[in-house]
């Protein structure tokens, strides 16, 4: 089973982003940051491998995802801003928790 899927467009843009910001590592963690109004929220952070990680190498990029995150959300798909229409990278989980993450705030509706 694949744990990370990244589109060709997102790969090209992400590699350019790393280069533009003079990032020399190719190891990136997909971190579960919690639930928001739109559902699960993930961050991309530079990190080192831990014993609790799944690892996926895609186009020379090493992605780390905690095994518990993979179990809960399945494969994570990284899309570029053009693909998701949101103005930045997005990470979409294969398994979406029921009910989203809205806690009843007034800005959801």
N, C-alpha and C. Protein backbone atom coordinates (compact mmCIF):
# COMPACT_ATOMS: atom_id res chain seq x y z
N UNK A 1 0.83 -1.17 0.00
CA UNK A 1 0.00 0.00 0.00
C UNK A 1 0.88 1.25 0.00
N UNK A 2 0.53 2.19 -0.83
CA UNK A 2 1.22 3.47 -0.87
C UNK A 2 0.72 4.33 0.29
N UNK A 3 1.62 5.06 0.93
CA UNK A 3 1.19 5.93 2.03
C UNK A 3 1.09 7.38 1.58
N UNK A 4 1.82 7.73 0.51
CA UNK A 4 1.82 9.10 -0.01
C UNK A 4 1.72 9.06 -1.52
N UNK A 5 0.86 9.91 -2.05
CA UNK A 5 0.74 10.10 -3.49
C UNK A 5 0.91 11.60 -3.72
N UNK A 6 1.80 11.96 -4.64
CA UNK A 6 2.00 13.36 -4.96
C UNK A 6 1.93 13.51 -6.47
N UNK A 7 1.13 14.44 -6.92
CA UNK A 7 0.96 14.63 -8.36
C UNK A 7 2.27 15.12 -8.97
N UNK A 8 2.40 14.93 -10.27
CA UNK A 8 3.60 15.42 -10.97
C UNK A 8 3.74 16.92 -10.81
N UNK A 9 2.65 17.64 -10.95
CA UNK A 9 2.67 19.11 -10.83
C UNK A 9 3.08 19.52 -9.41
N UNK A 10 2.53 18.87 -8.41
CA UNK A 10 2.89 19.19 -7.02
C UNK A 10 4.35 18.84 -6.74
N UNK A 11 4.83 17.74 -7.32
CA UNK A 11 6.23 17.36 -7.14
C UNK A 11 7.15 18.45 -7.68
N UNK A 12 6.89 18.89 -8.91
CA UNK A 12 7.70 19.93 -9.54
C UNK A 12 7.68 21.21 -8.70
N UNK A 13 6.49 21.63 -8.26
CA UNK A 13 6.37 22.85 -7.47
C UNK A 13 7.03 22.70 -6.10
N UNK A 14 6.90 21.52 -5.48
CA UNK A 14 7.48 21.31 -4.16
C UNK A 14 9.00 21.31 -4.23
N UNK A 15 9.56 20.64 -5.24
CA UNK A 15 11.01 20.64 -5.40
C UNK A 15 11.53 22.07 -5.63
N UNK A 16 10.80 22.86 -6.41
CA UNK A 16 11.19 24.26 -6.65
C UNK A 16 11.08 25.07 -5.36
N UNK A 17 10.03 24.81 -4.58
CA UNK A 17 9.85 25.49 -3.29
C UNK A 17 11.04 25.21 -2.38
N UNK A 18 11.48 23.96 -2.30
CA UNK A 18 12.63 23.60 -1.47
C UNK A 18 13.88 24.32 -1.96
N UNK A 19 14.08 24.32 -3.27
CA UNK A 19 15.25 24.98 -3.86
C UNK A 19 15.22 26.48 -3.59
N UNK A 20 14.08 27.13 -3.83
CA UNK A 20 13.94 28.57 -3.62
C UNK A 20 14.22 28.97 -2.18
N UNK A 21 13.92 28.09 -1.24
CA UNK A 21 14.11 28.36 0.18
C UNK A 21 15.40 27.76 0.73
N UNK A 22 16.27 27.32 -0.18
CA UNK A 22 17.59 26.78 0.15
C UNK A 22 17.53 25.65 1.17
N UNK A 23 16.50 24.81 1.05
CA UNK A 23 16.37 23.63 1.91
C UNK A 23 17.20 22.52 1.29
N UNK A 24 18.11 21.97 2.06
CA UNK A 24 19.02 20.97 1.52
C UNK A 24 18.61 19.53 1.85
N UNK A 25 17.66 19.34 2.72
CA UNK A 25 17.21 17.98 3.03
C UNK A 25 16.11 17.56 2.07
N UNK A 26 15.98 16.29 1.87
CA UNK A 26 14.91 15.77 1.02
C UNK A 26 13.92 14.94 1.85
N UNK A 27 14.00 15.07 3.18
CA UNK A 27 13.14 14.30 4.07
C UNK A 27 12.09 15.23 4.68
N UNK A 28 10.83 14.89 4.43
CA UNK A 28 9.72 15.73 4.85
C UNK A 28 8.69 14.88 5.60
N UNK A 29 8.24 15.39 6.74
CA UNK A 29 7.21 14.70 7.50
C UNK A 29 5.85 15.30 7.16
N UNK A 30 4.87 14.42 6.95
CA UNK A 30 3.49 14.86 6.87
C UNK A 30 2.92 14.66 8.26
N UNK A 31 2.63 15.78 8.90
CA UNK A 31 2.22 15.80 10.30
C UNK A 31 0.73 16.08 10.40
N UNK A 32 0.00 15.27 11.16
CA UNK A 32 -1.41 15.52 11.42
C UNK A 32 -1.49 16.62 12.47
N UNK A 33 -2.11 17.76 12.10
CA UNK A 33 -2.16 18.92 12.98
C UNK A 33 -3.48 19.05 13.73
N UNK A 34 -4.43 18.16 13.45
CA UNK A 34 -5.71 18.21 14.15
C UNK A 34 -6.87 18.33 13.18
N UNK A 35 -8.04 18.59 13.74
CA UNK A 35 -9.24 18.72 12.92
C UNK A 35 -9.64 20.19 12.83
N UNK A 36 -10.00 20.61 11.62
CA UNK A 36 -10.48 21.97 11.40
C UNK A 36 -11.88 21.92 10.83
N UNK A 37 -12.40 23.06 10.47
CA UNK A 37 -13.76 23.13 9.91
C UNK A 37 -13.91 22.28 8.65
N UNK A 38 -12.84 22.17 7.87
CA UNK A 38 -12.89 21.41 6.63
C UNK A 38 -12.49 19.95 6.79
N UNK A 39 -12.20 19.52 8.00
CA UNK A 39 -11.77 18.14 8.23
C UNK A 39 -10.34 18.09 8.74
N UNK A 40 -9.63 17.01 8.42
CA UNK A 40 -8.27 16.80 8.89
C UNK A 40 -7.33 17.86 8.31
N UNK A 41 -6.41 18.34 9.15
CA UNK A 41 -5.42 19.33 8.74
C UNK A 41 -4.04 18.70 8.89
N UNK A 42 -3.23 18.84 7.84
CA UNK A 42 -1.88 18.29 7.84
C UNK A 42 -0.88 19.39 7.54
N UNK A 43 0.34 19.25 8.09
CA UNK A 43 1.44 20.16 7.82
C UNK A 43 2.58 19.38 7.20
N UNK A 44 3.41 20.06 6.43
CA UNK A 44 4.66 19.50 5.92
C UNK A 44 5.79 20.12 6.72
N UNK A 45 6.60 19.29 7.39
CA UNK A 45 7.70 19.79 8.21
C UNK A 45 8.96 18.98 7.94
N UNK A 46 10.10 19.61 8.12
CA UNK A 46 11.37 18.91 7.99
C UNK A 46 11.61 18.15 9.28
N UNK A 47 12.00 16.90 9.16
CA UNK A 47 12.15 16.08 10.35
C UNK A 47 13.05 14.90 10.05
N UNK A 48 13.34 14.11 11.06
CA UNK A 48 14.11 12.88 10.92
C UNK A 48 13.21 11.69 11.23
N UNK A 49 13.58 10.53 10.67
CA UNK A 49 12.80 9.31 10.83
C UNK A 49 12.74 8.88 12.30
N UNK A 50 11.57 8.39 12.66
CA UNK A 50 11.35 7.80 13.99
C UNK A 50 10.93 6.35 13.81
N UNK A 51 11.03 5.57 14.85
CA UNK A 51 10.65 4.15 14.78
C UNK A 51 9.17 3.96 14.47
N UNK A 52 8.36 4.96 14.74
CA UNK A 52 6.91 4.84 14.53
C UNK A 52 6.46 5.32 13.15
N UNK A 53 7.41 5.52 12.23
CA UNK A 53 7.09 6.08 10.91
C UNK A 53 6.97 5.04 9.81
N UNK A 54 6.07 5.34 8.89
CA UNK A 54 6.08 4.72 7.57
C UNK A 54 6.89 5.66 6.69
N UNK A 55 7.55 5.10 5.69
CA UNK A 55 8.40 5.89 4.79
C UNK A 55 7.99 5.62 3.36
N UNK A 56 7.91 6.68 2.58
CA UNK A 56 7.62 6.57 1.14
C UNK A 56 8.56 7.51 0.41
N UNK A 57 9.29 6.98 -0.57
CA UNK A 57 10.17 7.81 -1.40
C UNK A 57 9.49 8.00 -2.74
N UNK A 58 9.30 9.28 -3.11
CA UNK A 58 8.64 9.63 -4.36
C UNK A 58 9.49 10.69 -5.06
N UNK A 59 9.96 10.39 -6.26
CA UNK A 59 10.74 11.36 -7.04
C UNK A 59 11.89 11.97 -6.24
N UNK A 60 12.57 11.15 -5.45
CA UNK A 60 13.71 11.62 -4.68
C UNK A 60 13.36 12.30 -3.37
N UNK A 61 12.09 12.46 -3.09
CA UNK A 61 11.64 13.04 -1.82
C UNK A 61 11.27 11.91 -0.87
N UNK A 62 11.74 11.96 0.36
CA UNK A 62 11.41 10.97 1.37
C UNK A 62 10.34 11.55 2.28
N UNK A 63 9.17 10.92 2.28
CA UNK A 63 8.06 11.36 3.11
C UNK A 63 7.95 10.44 4.32
N UNK A 64 7.81 11.04 5.49
CA UNK A 64 7.62 10.32 6.75
C UNK A 64 6.19 10.55 7.21
N UNK A 65 5.51 9.48 7.58
CA UNK A 65 4.15 9.58 8.10
C UNK A 65 4.05 8.61 9.27
N UNK A 66 3.62 9.12 10.41
CA UNK A 66 3.45 8.26 11.58
C UNK A 66 2.50 7.12 11.22
N UNK A 67 2.81 5.91 11.67
CA UNK A 67 1.99 4.74 11.36
C UNK A 67 0.54 4.91 11.81
N UNK A 68 0.33 5.58 12.93
CA UNK A 68 -1.03 5.83 13.41
C UNK A 68 -1.81 6.74 12.48
N UNK A 69 -1.12 7.72 11.88
CA UNK A 69 -1.77 8.63 10.92
C UNK A 69 -2.16 7.85 9.67
N UNK A 70 -1.27 6.97 9.20
CA UNK A 70 -1.58 6.15 8.04
C UNK A 70 -2.77 5.24 8.32
N UNK A 71 -2.79 4.66 9.51
CA UNK A 71 -3.89 3.77 9.88
C UNK A 71 -5.23 4.53 9.92
N UNK A 72 -5.20 5.74 10.45
CA UNK A 72 -6.43 6.51 10.59
C UNK A 72 -6.91 7.12 9.27
N UNK A 73 -5.97 7.59 8.42
CA UNK A 73 -6.36 8.36 7.24
C UNK A 73 -6.05 7.69 5.91
N UNK A 74 -5.31 6.58 5.91
CA UNK A 74 -4.96 5.92 4.66
C UNK A 74 -3.94 6.72 3.87
N UNK A 75 -3.96 6.53 2.57
CA UNK A 75 -3.02 7.23 1.69
C UNK A 75 -3.29 8.73 1.71
N UNK A 76 -2.22 9.52 1.76
CA UNK A 76 -2.32 10.97 1.75
C UNK A 76 -1.89 11.48 0.38
N UNK A 77 -2.71 12.30 -0.26
CA UNK A 77 -2.42 12.82 -1.59
C UNK A 77 -2.07 14.29 -1.50
N UNK A 78 -0.91 14.66 -2.03
CA UNK A 78 -0.46 16.05 -2.05
C UNK A 78 -0.78 16.63 -3.41
N UNK A 79 -1.50 17.76 -3.41
CA UNK A 79 -1.89 18.45 -4.64
C UNK A 79 -1.31 19.86 -4.66
N UNK A 80 -1.07 20.37 -5.86
CA UNK A 80 -0.58 21.74 -6.02
C UNK A 80 -1.74 22.72 -5.91
N UNK A 81 -1.41 24.00 -5.83
CA UNK A 81 -2.43 25.05 -5.75
C UNK A 81 -3.34 25.03 -6.97
N UNK A 82 -2.78 24.82 -8.16
CA UNK A 82 -3.60 24.77 -9.38
C UNK A 82 -4.58 23.62 -9.35
N UNK A 83 -4.18 22.52 -8.75
CA UNK A 83 -5.03 21.32 -8.73
C UNK A 83 -6.14 21.40 -7.68
N UNK A 84 -5.88 22.08 -6.58
CA UNK A 84 -6.88 22.12 -5.51
C UNK A 84 -7.64 23.44 -5.45
N UNK A 85 -7.19 24.46 -6.17
CA UNK A 85 -7.88 25.74 -6.20
C UNK A 85 -7.82 26.52 -4.90
N UNK A 86 -6.84 26.21 -4.04
CA UNK A 86 -6.78 26.85 -2.71
C UNK A 86 -5.59 27.80 -2.53
N UNK A 87 -4.76 27.94 -3.54
CA UNK A 87 -3.65 28.88 -3.41
C UNK A 87 -2.43 28.34 -2.69
N UNK A 88 -2.32 27.08 -2.47
CA UNK A 88 -1.17 26.46 -1.82
C UNK A 88 -1.28 24.95 -1.89
N UNK A 89 -0.28 24.27 -1.41
CA UNK A 89 -0.33 22.81 -1.39
C UNK A 89 -1.45 22.35 -0.47
N UNK A 90 -2.06 21.23 -0.80
CA UNK A 90 -3.02 20.61 0.11
C UNK A 90 -2.68 19.14 0.25
N UNK A 91 -3.10 18.58 1.36
CA UNK A 91 -2.91 17.16 1.62
C UNK A 91 -4.29 16.59 1.89
N UNK A 92 -4.70 15.68 1.03
CA UNK A 92 -6.04 15.09 1.10
C UNK A 92 -5.95 13.65 1.57
N UNK A 93 -6.66 13.29 2.65
CA UNK A 93 -6.62 11.91 3.13
C UNK A 93 -7.56 11.01 2.32
N UNK A 94 -7.16 9.76 2.19
CA UNK A 94 -8.00 8.75 1.54
C UNK A 94 -9.26 8.50 2.37
N UNK A 95 -9.08 8.36 3.69
CA UNK A 95 -10.20 8.13 4.61
C UNK A 95 -10.52 9.43 5.31
N UNK A 96 -11.72 9.91 5.11
CA UNK A 96 -12.14 11.16 5.73
C UNK A 96 -13.03 10.85 6.93
N UNK A 97 -12.69 11.39 8.10
CA UNK A 97 -13.52 11.16 9.28
C UNK A 97 -14.93 11.70 9.06
N UNK A 98 -15.91 11.02 9.59
CA UNK A 98 -17.31 11.46 9.45
C UNK A 98 -17.52 12.76 10.21
N UNK A 99 -18.35 13.64 9.63
CA UNK A 99 -18.73 14.87 10.30
C UNK A 99 -17.74 16.00 10.19
N UNK A 100 -16.63 15.82 9.45
CA UNK A 100 -15.65 16.90 9.35
C UNK A 100 -15.08 17.23 10.70
N UNK A 101 -14.62 18.45 10.85
CA UNK A 101 -14.03 18.83 12.12
C UNK A 101 -14.71 20.01 12.75
N UNK A 102 -15.86 20.39 12.23
CA UNK A 102 -16.52 21.60 12.72
C UNK A 102 -17.05 21.38 14.13
N UNK A 103 -16.66 22.32 15.00
CA UNK A 103 -17.10 22.23 16.40
C UNK A 103 -18.24 23.20 16.66
N UNK A 104 -18.88 23.65 15.60
CA UNK A 104 -20.03 24.54 15.78
C UNK A 104 -19.69 26.01 15.71
N UNK A 105 -18.51 26.35 15.19
CA UNK A 105 -18.17 27.76 15.08
C UNK A 105 -19.08 28.43 14.04
N UNK A 106 -19.19 29.72 14.10
CA UNK A 106 -20.12 30.42 13.20
C UNK A 106 -19.52 30.69 11.84
N UNK A 107 -18.22 30.42 11.65
CA UNK A 107 -17.61 30.72 10.35
C UNK A 107 -17.74 29.59 9.35
N UNK A 108 -18.30 28.44 9.74
CA UNK A 108 -18.43 27.30 8.83
C UNK A 108 -19.58 27.50 7.82
N UNK A 109 -20.60 28.18 8.17
CA UNK A 109 -21.78 28.25 7.35
C UNK A 109 -21.83 29.43 6.49
